[in-house]
């Protein structure tokens, strides 16, 4: 599939080599790549913001067959574009970006009352969470605290988990998807920023039970685990968006890696660090992981290598590994650093980064939403851009 420039990759990997004489030169090369990628992201994202400015309530979702596809705040991805703008603002703090970030964040606010799905974490934490982190606006804090209480309504203490979906009840009694691990961050934040310590208990119960029942012995993950509501034991394990029930859907694996990495960061619990490291080991040593570390949509697709990559999985991985590299030592530091460098260089190349004004004004190309459902295949996706900006921002903090 898409190849990166090997000459630049060799130079890039020198950043993490043990040869001191190369370090300064290669660090400058990395800084330059990150800075240019952020500069492009700013220009492209501002064009996107201008495009939807007067489409009240609309938020970008994808760009398919030459057409813009948007959503209102109800779509699970609604918080990602506001989050993109907040990362743009963090790296380029000018008033025009700030106004757009506020405008699009406000379009998501009604989701603070969402109780019919688990995605309120994605919706609110990525938008209002980044906004509050950068502005300390007390209204943003209030929105997040309300959203955390809404999310907590989906917790069943008998099962010990937050329910993901309410549909398809003839098949699933109490479905929990691996994506849900991402929404616990809102609960942990709210527990620290309020008097409700129950929210942390809910988050950690969900994390612990997911660790027991979602992961196989090799630390790959199922997508969906449905629990018996009487026994609180799984009655069905499957993969809804991957190749098969026993396959490793790549974005699902990335969610798990990211989730247990931040759980360790927020709690200091060594069990979560061990889980994140073992997930990383599984992914980075998988025989079907490409050399550029941009995963195929499912690691077990029989069509590999003649099938699609999923850039969204790569961006989530990169963001997680940047954090995880700070929590490990020894050979893993160098290993993770090389993978991060490879991913960022590849994503910033013309193979995956769009031209200015093209690609529906999304930054990255070639993501996959749900291949078996023929939904959003080989298209830009708003969450791919979000986690790319997050990864670039984290990397900039580390190397500047």
Protein backbone atom coordinates (compact mmCIF):
# COMPACT_ATOMS: atom_id res chain seq x y z
CA UNK A 1 0.00 0.00 0.00
CA UNK A 2 1.31 3.50 0.74
CA UNK A 3 5.07 3.76 1.22
CA UNK A 4 7.09 6.38 3.03
CA UNK A 5 10.38 7.88 1.95
CA UNK A 6 13.06 5.54 3.27
CA UNK A 7 15.79 8.15 3.09
CA UNK A 8 14.00 10.46 5.50
CA UNK A 9 12.94 7.57 7.69
CA UNK A 10 16.56 6.55 8.26
CA UNK A 11 17.42 10.10 9.28
CA UNK A 12 14.34 10.29 11.45
CA UNK A 13 15.15 7.15 13.35
CA UNK A 14 18.53 8.61 14.18
CA UNK A 15 16.66 10.71 16.72
CA UNK A 16 16.44 7.71 19.00
CA UNK A 17 19.81 6.19 18.14
CA UNK A 18 22.57 5.90 20.68
CA UNK A 19 25.00 7.97 18.59
CA UNK A 20 25.29 11.32 20.38
CA UNK A 21 26.84 13.10 17.40
CA UNK A 22 23.59 12.58 15.41
CA UNK A 23 21.18 13.54 18.12
CA UNK A 24 21.12 17.32 17.60
CA UNK A 25 20.77 17.09 13.82
CA UNK A 26 18.02 14.50 13.92
CA UNK A 27 16.17 16.25 16.71
CA UNK A 28 16.00 19.32 14.52
CA UNK A 29 14.64 17.16 11.68
CA UNK A 30 11.92 15.83 13.97
CA UNK A 31 11.05 19.31 15.22
CA UNK A 32 10.79 20.54 11.66
CA UNK A 33 8.46 17.71 10.68
CA UNK A 34 6.19 18.23 13.68
CA UNK A 35 6.12 22.00 13.16
CA UNK A 36 5.30 21.74 9.47
CA UNK A 37 2.59 19.14 10.14
CA UNK A 38 1.02 21.42 12.76
CA UNK A 39 1.22 24.42 10.46
CA UNK A 40 -0.57 22.51 7.71
CA UNK A 41 -3.15 21.21 10.15
CA UNK A 42 -3.90 24.79 11.20
CA UNK A 43 -4.51 25.95 7.64
CA UNK A 44 -6.62 22.91 6.72
CA UNK A 45 -8.68 23.00 9.91
CA UNK A 46 -9.42 26.70 9.54
CA UNK A 47 -10.73 26.00 6.05
CA UNK A 48 -12.95 23.31 7.51
CA UNK A 49 -14.18 25.70 10.19
CA UNK A 50 -15.02 28.35 7.61
CA UNK A 51 -16.89 25.81 5.49
CA UNK A 52 -19.32 24.84 8.24
CA UNK A 53 -19.50 28.21 9.97
CA UNK A 54 -23.00 29.05 8.80
CA UNK A 55 -24.37 25.50 8.82
CA UNK A 56 -25.92 25.78 12.24
CA UNK A 57 -25.42 22.74 14.44
CA UNK A 58 -23.43 20.82 11.83
CA UNK A 59 -20.05 19.18 12.45
CA UNK A 60 -17.72 17.47 9.97
CA UNK A 61 -17.77 13.69 9.91
CA UNK A 62 -16.08 12.50 6.69
CA UNK A 63 -15.69 13.19 2.96
CA UNK A 64 -16.82 10.45 0.60
CA UNK A 65 -17.12 10.23 -3.18
CA UNK A 66 -16.48 13.94 -3.50
CA UNK A 67 -19.18 14.91 -0.99
CA UNK A 68 -19.07 16.40 2.49
CA UNK A 69 -20.73 14.24 5.11
CA UNK A 70 -21.57 16.01 8.34
CA UNK A 71 -23.57 15.25 11.47
CA UNK A 72 -25.28 17.03 14.28
CA UNK A 73 -24.16 16.63 17.88
CA UNK A 74 -25.92 13.26 18.28
CA UNK A 75 -23.32 11.41 16.20
CA UNK A 76 -20.65 9.84 18.42
CA UNK A 77 -17.89 11.77 16.63
CA UNK A 78 -19.33 15.24 17.26
CA UNK A 79 -16.72 16.28 19.83
CA UNK A 80 -13.68 15.56 17.71
CA UNK A 81 -13.62 18.57 15.38
CA UNK A 82 -14.02 21.01 18.29
CA UNK A 83 -11.13 19.12 19.88
CA UNK A 84 -9.06 19.52 16.71
CA UNK A 85 -9.61 23.28 16.91
CA UNK A 86 -8.55 23.38 20.56
CA UNK A 87 -5.29 21.61 19.67
CA UNK A 88 -4.81 24.06 16.80
CA UNK A 89 -5.37 26.90 19.25
CA UNK A 90 -2.91 25.40 21.73
CA UNK A 91 -0.24 25.44 19.03
CA UNK A 92 -1.32 28.70 17.36
CA UNK A 93 -3.09 30.85 19.98
CA UNK A 94 -4.74 33.49 17.85
CA UNK A 95 -8.23 34.91 18.41
CA UNK A 96 -9.70 33.61 15.14
CA UNK A 97 -8.91 30.01 16.07
CA UNK A 98 -10.28 30.60 19.57
CA UNK A 99 -13.58 31.89 18.25
CA UNK A 100 -14.01 28.88 16.00
CA UNK A 101 -13.10 26.50 18.82
CA UNK A 102 -15.76 28.11 21.01
CA UNK A 103 -18.33 28.09 18.20
CA UNK A 104 -18.00 24.39 17.42
CA UNK A 105 -17.70 23.38 21.06
CA UNK A 106 -21.02 25.08 21.78
CA UNK A 107 -22.64 22.92 19.09
CA UNK A 108 -21.98 19.85 21.22
CA UNK A 109 -23.19 21.17 24.58
CA UNK A 110 -26.60 19.52 24.55
CA UNK A 111 -24.87 16.14 24.74
CA UNK A 112 -24.07 16.80 28.40
CA UNK A 113 -27.51 15.32 29.05
CA UNK A 114 -26.94 12.20 26.93
CA UNK A 115 -27.89 9.04 28.81
CA UNK A 116 -28.83 6.68 25.97
CA UNK A 117 -25.26 5.76 24.93
CA UNK A 118 -21.72 5.76 26.29
CA UNK A 119 -20.29 8.20 23.74
CA UNK A 120 -20.92 11.25 25.91
CA UNK A 121 -17.29 10.86 26.99
CA UNK A 122 -16.01 11.22 23.43
CA UNK A 123 -18.44 14.04 22.74
CA UNK A 124 -17.77 16.19 25.78
CA UNK A 125 -14.26 15.36 26.99
CA UNK A 126 -12.63 15.89 23.60
CA UNK A 127 -14.40 19.23 23.08
CA UNK A 128 -15.16 20.84 26.44
CA UNK A 129 -12.33 18.96 28.12
CA UNK A 130 -9.68 20.49 25.90
CA UNK A 131 -11.46 23.83 26.05
CA UNK A 132 -11.42 23.83 29.84
CA UNK A 133 -7.79 22.70 29.95
CA UNK A 134 -6.78 25.70 27.86
CA UNK A 135 -9.18 28.40 29.09
CA UNK A 136 -10.31 27.36 32.59
CA UNK A 137 -13.78 28.60 31.62
CA UNK A 138 -16.04 27.68 34.60
CA UNK A 139 -18.97 27.04 32.25
CA UNK A 140 -16.96 24.35 30.47
CA UNK A 141 -16.24 22.72 33.82
CA UNK A 142 -19.94 22.70 34.69
CA UNK A 143 -20.78 21.07 31.34
CA UNK A 144 -18.23 18.32 31.95
CA UNK A 145 -19.48 17.60 35.45
CA UNK A 146 -23.04 17.30 34.16
CA UNK A 147 -21.87 15.01 31.35
CA UNK A 148 -20.04 12.77 33.81
CA UNK A 149 -23.23 12.31 35.82
CA UNK A 150 -25.09 11.48 32.60
CA UNK A 151 -22.51 8.85 31.68
CA UNK A 152 -22.67 7.37 35.19
CA UNK A 153 -26.38 6.59 34.72
CA UNK A 154 -25.32 3.84 32.33
CA UNK A 155 -23.45 1.98 35.05
CA UNK A 156 -25.03 -1.12 36.52
CA UNK A 157 -23.37 -1.96 39.86
CA UNK A 158 -24.40 -5.59 39.61
CA UNK A 159 -22.64 -5.99 36.28
CA UNK A 160 -19.85 -3.62 37.25
CA UNK A 161 -19.64 -1.93 33.85
CA UNK A 162 -21.03 0.96 31.84
CA UNK A 163 -23.42 -0.26 29.17
CA UNK A 164 -22.36 0.76 25.66
CA UNK A 165 -25.39 0.17 23.46
CA UNK A 166 -29.14 -0.21 23.95
CA UNK A 167 -30.01 -1.68 20.56
CA UNK A 168 -30.04 -5.28 19.30
CA UNK A 169 -31.44 -6.61 22.57
CA UNK A 170 -32.30 -9.97 21.05
CA UNK A 171 -28.57 -10.60 20.62
CA UNK A 172 -26.95 -8.69 23.48
CA UNK A 173 -28.15 -8.50 27.08
CA UNK A 174 -25.61 -5.96 28.33
CA UNK A 175 -23.12 -5.06 25.57
CA UNK A 176 -19.82 -3.39 26.38
CA UNK A 177 -17.45 -2.41 23.57
CA UNK A 178 -13.72 -1.85 23.93
CA UNK A 179 -14.21 1.76 22.73
CA UNK A 180 -15.93 2.43 26.06
CA UNK A 181 -12.56 2.35 27.84
CA UNK A 182 -11.96 5.80 26.34
CA UNK A 183 -14.91 7.39 28.13
CA UNK A 184 -13.63 6.60 31.62
CA UNK A 185 -11.28 9.57 31.43
CA UNK A 186 -14.25 11.93 31.82
CA UNK A 187 -15.30 10.12 34.99
CA UNK A 188 -11.79 10.22 36.47
CA UNK A 189 -11.54 13.94 35.75
CA UNK A 190 -14.96 14.62 37.26
CA UNK A 191 -14.09 12.65 40.39
CA UNK A 192 -11.03 14.84 40.96
CA UNK A 193 -12.94 18.03 40.19
CA UNK A 194 -15.99 17.34 42.33
CA UNK A 195 -16.94 15.69 45.60
CA UNK A 196 -18.30 12.60 43.86
CA UNK A 197 -15.68 9.91 44.39
CA UNK A 198 -18.21 7.32 43.20
CA UNK A 199 -17.30 8.34 39.64
CA UNK A 200 -13.75 7.05 40.08
CA UNK A 201 -15.08 3.80 41.54
CA UNK A 202 -17.29 3.35 38.48
CA UNK A 203 -14.39 4.03 36.11
CA UNK A 204 -12.03 1.61 37.81
CA UNK A 205 -14.66 -1.12 38.10
CA UNK A 206 -15.24 -0.84 34.36
CA UNK A 207 -11.50 -0.84 33.62
CA UNK A 208 -10.84 -3.86 35.83
CA UNK A 209 -13.66 -5.99 34.50
CA UNK A 210 -12.77 -5.09 30.92
CA UNK A 211 -9.21 -6.20 31.59
CA UNK A 212 -10.49 -9.59 32.74
CA UNK A 213 -13.08 -10.32 30.07
CA UNK A 214 -12.24 -8.34 26.92
CA UNK A 215 -8.68 -9.53 26.41
CA UNK A 216 -7.43 -12.85 25.10
CA UNK A 217 -4.31 -14.59 26.40
CA UNK A 218 -2.17 -12.85 23.78
CA UNK A 219 -3.58 -9.43 24.87
CA UNK A 220 -5.59 -8.88 21.74
CA UNK A 221 -9.11 -7.67 22.41
CA UNK A 222 -12.64 -8.56 21.45
CA UNK A 223 -14.73 -5.68 20.21
CA UNK A 224 -18.03 -6.53 21.94
CA UNK A 225 -18.57 -8.46 25.15
CA UNK A 226 -22.16 -8.91 26.23
CA UNK A 227 -22.80 -9.76 29.88
CA UNK A 228 -25.58 -11.82 31.39
CA UNK A 229 -27.51 -9.38 33.56
CA UNK A 230 -28.25 -12.05 36.19
CA UNK A 231 -24.80 -13.62 36.58
CA UNK A 232 -22.70 -10.61 35.41
CA UNK A 233 -20.64 -13.11 33.38
CA UNK A 234 -20.09 -12.74 29.61
CA UNK A 235 -22.53 -14.75 27.49
CA UNK A 236 -21.20 -13.57 24.12
CA UNK A 237 -17.88 -12.28 22.81
CA UNK A 238 -17.54 -11.01 19.26
CA UNK A 239 -16.13 -8.43 16.89
CA UNK A 240 -18.78 -6.26 15.27
CA UNK A 241 -16.54 -4.05 13.10
CA UNK A 242 -13.66 -6.46 12.52
CA UNK A 243 -13.10 -9.42 10.23
CA UNK A 244 -14.38 -12.11 12.62
CA UNK A 245 -15.22 -12.68 16.26
CA UNK A 246 -11.73 -14.02 16.97
CA UNK A 247 -9.84 -11.48 14.86
CA UNK A 248 -8.04 -8.34 16.02
CA UNK A 249 -9.87 -5.28 14.75
CA UNK A 250 -7.11 -2.69 14.63
CA UNK A 251 -8.89 0.36 16.01
CA UNK A 252 -10.23 -1.71 18.88
CA UNK A 253 -6.71 -2.75 19.79
CA UNK A 254 -5.65 0.91 19.68
CA UNK A 255 -8.51 1.91 22.00
CA UNK A 256 -7.30 -0.63 24.54
CA UNK A 257 -3.70 0.57 24.33
CA UNK A 258 -4.73 4.19 24.78
CA UNK A 259 -7.18 3.42 27.57
CA UNK A 260 -4.85 1.51 29.86
CA UNK A 261 -2.04 3.98 29.20
CA UNK A 262 -4.08 6.92 30.50
CA UNK A 263 -5.51 4.80 33.30
CA UNK A 264 -1.98 4.29 34.55
CA UNK A 265 -1.18 7.97 34.07
CA UNK A 266 -4.22 9.01 36.12
CA UNK A 267 -4.07 6.36 38.86
CA UNK A 268 -0.49 5.15 39.10
CA UNK A 269 -1.80 1.57 39.32
CA UNK A 270 0.96 -0.71 37.99
CA UNK A 271 -1.62 -3.24 36.75
CA UNK A 272 -2.73 -0.76 34.12
CA UNK A 273 0.83 -0.06 33.02
CA UNK A 274 1.45 -3.79 32.64
CA UNK A 275 -1.72 -4.14 30.58
CA UNK A 276 -0.74 -1.27 28.29
CA UNK A 277 2.77 -2.64 27.78
CA UNK A 278 1.47 -6.11 26.95
CA UNK A 279 -1.03 -4.70 24.46
CA UNK A 280 1.80 -2.71 22.87
CA UNK A 281 3.95 -5.84 22.70
CA UNK A 282 1.17 -7.68 20.91
CA UNK A 283 0.68 -4.90 18.36
CA UNK A 284 4.27 -3.99 17.63
CA UNK A 285 5.34 -7.61 17.18
CA UNK A 286 2.30 -8.73 15.21
CA UNK A 287 3.42 -10.46 11.99
CA UNK A 288 0.89 -8.44 9.99
CA UNK A 289 1.97 -5.06 11.34
CA UNK A 290 3.38 -3.14 8.35
CA UNK A 291 6.89 -1.69 8.48
CA UNK A 292 5.48 1.84 8.61
CA UNK A 293 3.21 0.96 11.58
CA UNK A 294 0.03 2.11 9.84
CA UNK A 295 -2.15 -0.93 10.60
CA UNK A 296 -4.48 -2.73 8.27
CA UNK A 297 -8.12 -2.36 9.28
CA UNK A 298 -7.93 -5.81 10.92
CA UNK A 299 -4.69 -7.59 11.76
CA UNK A 300 -6.24 -10.90 10.71
CA UNK A 301 -7.84 -9.91 7.42
CA UNK A 302 -7.18 -12.66 4.87
CA UNK A 303 -6.78 -9.98 2.21
CA UNK A 304 -3.55 -8.60 3.72
CA UNK A 305 -1.54 -7.02 2.12
CA UNK A 306 -4.11 -6.18 -0.56
CA UNK A 307 -6.52 -4.45 1.75
CA UNK A 308 -7.03 -1.10 3.44
CA UNK A 309 -4.97 0.55 6.13
CA UNK A 310 -6.72 2.36 8.98
CA UNK A 311 -5.03 5.67 9.69
CA UNK A 312 -7.32 6.27 12.66
CA UNK A 313 -5.84 3.22 14.40
CA UNK A 314 -2.34 4.55 13.74
CA UNK A 315 -3.05 8.00 15.20
CA UNK A 316 -4.59 6.55 18.37
CA UNK A 317 -1.58 4.24 18.73
CA UNK A 318 0.89 7.09 18.23
CA UNK A 319 -0.76 9.28 20.85
CA UNK A 320 -0.83 6.41 23.34
CA UNK A 321 2.78 5.38 22.70
CA UNK A 322 4.05 8.92 23.26
CA UNK A 323 2.64 8.77 26.78
CA UNK A 324 3.61 5.15 27.34
CA UNK A 325 7.22 5.85 26.34
CA UNK A 326 7.45 8.11 29.41
CA UNK A 327 6.36 5.32 31.74
CA UNK A 328 8.75 2.56 30.66
CA UNK A 329 12.50 2.15 30.62
CA UNK A 330 15.19 0.10 28.96
CA UNK A 331 14.78 -1.14 25.40
CA UNK A 332 11.09 -0.23 25.29
CA UNK A 333 11.85 3.50 25.34
CA UNK A 334 13.90 3.17 22.17
CA UNK A 335 11.41 0.77 20.59
CA UNK A 336 8.42 3.03 21.19
CA UNK A 337 10.35 6.10 20.08
CA UNK A 338 11.24 4.46 16.78
CA UNK A 339 7.64 3.43 16.18
CA UNK A 340 6.34 6.91 16.99
CA UNK A 341 8.88 8.50 14.66
CA UNK A 342 7.99 6.10 11.87
CA UNK A 343 4.25 6.69 12.29
CA UNK A 344 4.51 10.48 12.42
CA UNK A 345 6.81 10.69 9.41
CA UNK A 346 4.54 8.38 7.45
CA UNK A 347 1.35 10.20 8.38
CA UNK A 348 2.94 13.58 7.56
CA UNK A 349 3.95 12.37 4.10
CA UNK A 350 1.90 12.96 0.93
CA UNK A 351 0.78 9.34 1.07
CA UNK A 352 -1.45 10.13 4.02
CA UNK A 353 -1.64 13.92 4.38
CA UNK A 354 -4.01 15.71 2.02
CA UNK A 355 -3.21 18.74 -0.09
CA UNK A 356 -4.41 22.10 1.16
CA UNK A 357 -8.14 22.53 0.50
CA UNK A 358 -8.59 18.97 -0.73
CA UNK A 359 -9.92 15.84 1.02
CA UNK A 360 -12.96 17.81 2.20
CA UNK A 361 -10.51 19.89 4.29
CA UNK A 362 -9.69 16.91 6.50
CA UNK A 363 -6.01 16.57 7.34
CA UNK A 364 -5.43 12.85 6.85
CA UNK A 365 -6.57 10.31 4.25
CA UNK A 366 -7.16 6.55 4.30
CA UNK A 367 -9.09 5.64 7.43
CA UNK A 368 -11.65 2.86 7.79
CA UNK A 369 -14.79 3.14 9.91
CA UNK A 370 -16.44 -0.28 9.61
CA UNK A 371 -15.23 -2.38 6.69
CA UNK A 372 -17.65 -5.33 7.13
CA UNK A 373 -20.57 -2.88 7.18
CA UNK A 374 -19.20 -1.08 4.10
CA UNK A 375 -19.26 2.13 6.11
CA UNK A 376 -16.62 4.86 5.76
CA UNK A 377 -14.03 2.75 3.95
CA UNK A 378 -10.80 4.44 2.81
CA UNK A 379 -11.96 7.95 3.71
CA UNK A 380 -10.89 10.74 6.05
CA UNK A 381 -12.40 10.57 9.53
CA UNK A 382 -12.66 13.33 12.09
CA UNK A 383 -11.25 11.22 14.93
CA UNK A 384 -8.17 10.32 12.88
CA UNK A 385 -7.43 14.04 12.61
CA UNK A 386 -8.13 14.54 16.32
CA UNK A 387 -5.70 11.92 17.59
CA UNK A 388 -3.11 13.01 15.01
CA UNK A 389 -3.25 16.57 16.36
CA UNK A 390 -3.09 15.20 19.89
CA UNK A 391 -0.02 13.11 19.03
CA UNK A 392 1.72 16.03 17.32
CA UNK A 393 1.00 18.29 20.27
CA UNK A 394 2.35 15.76 22.78
CA UNK A 395 5.44 15.22 20.66
CA UNK A 396 6.03 18.96 20.34
CA UNK A 397 5.95 19.30 24.14
CA UNK A 398 8.56 16.55 24.48
CA UNK A 399 11.07 17.76 21.89
CA UNK A 400 10.82 21.57 22.05
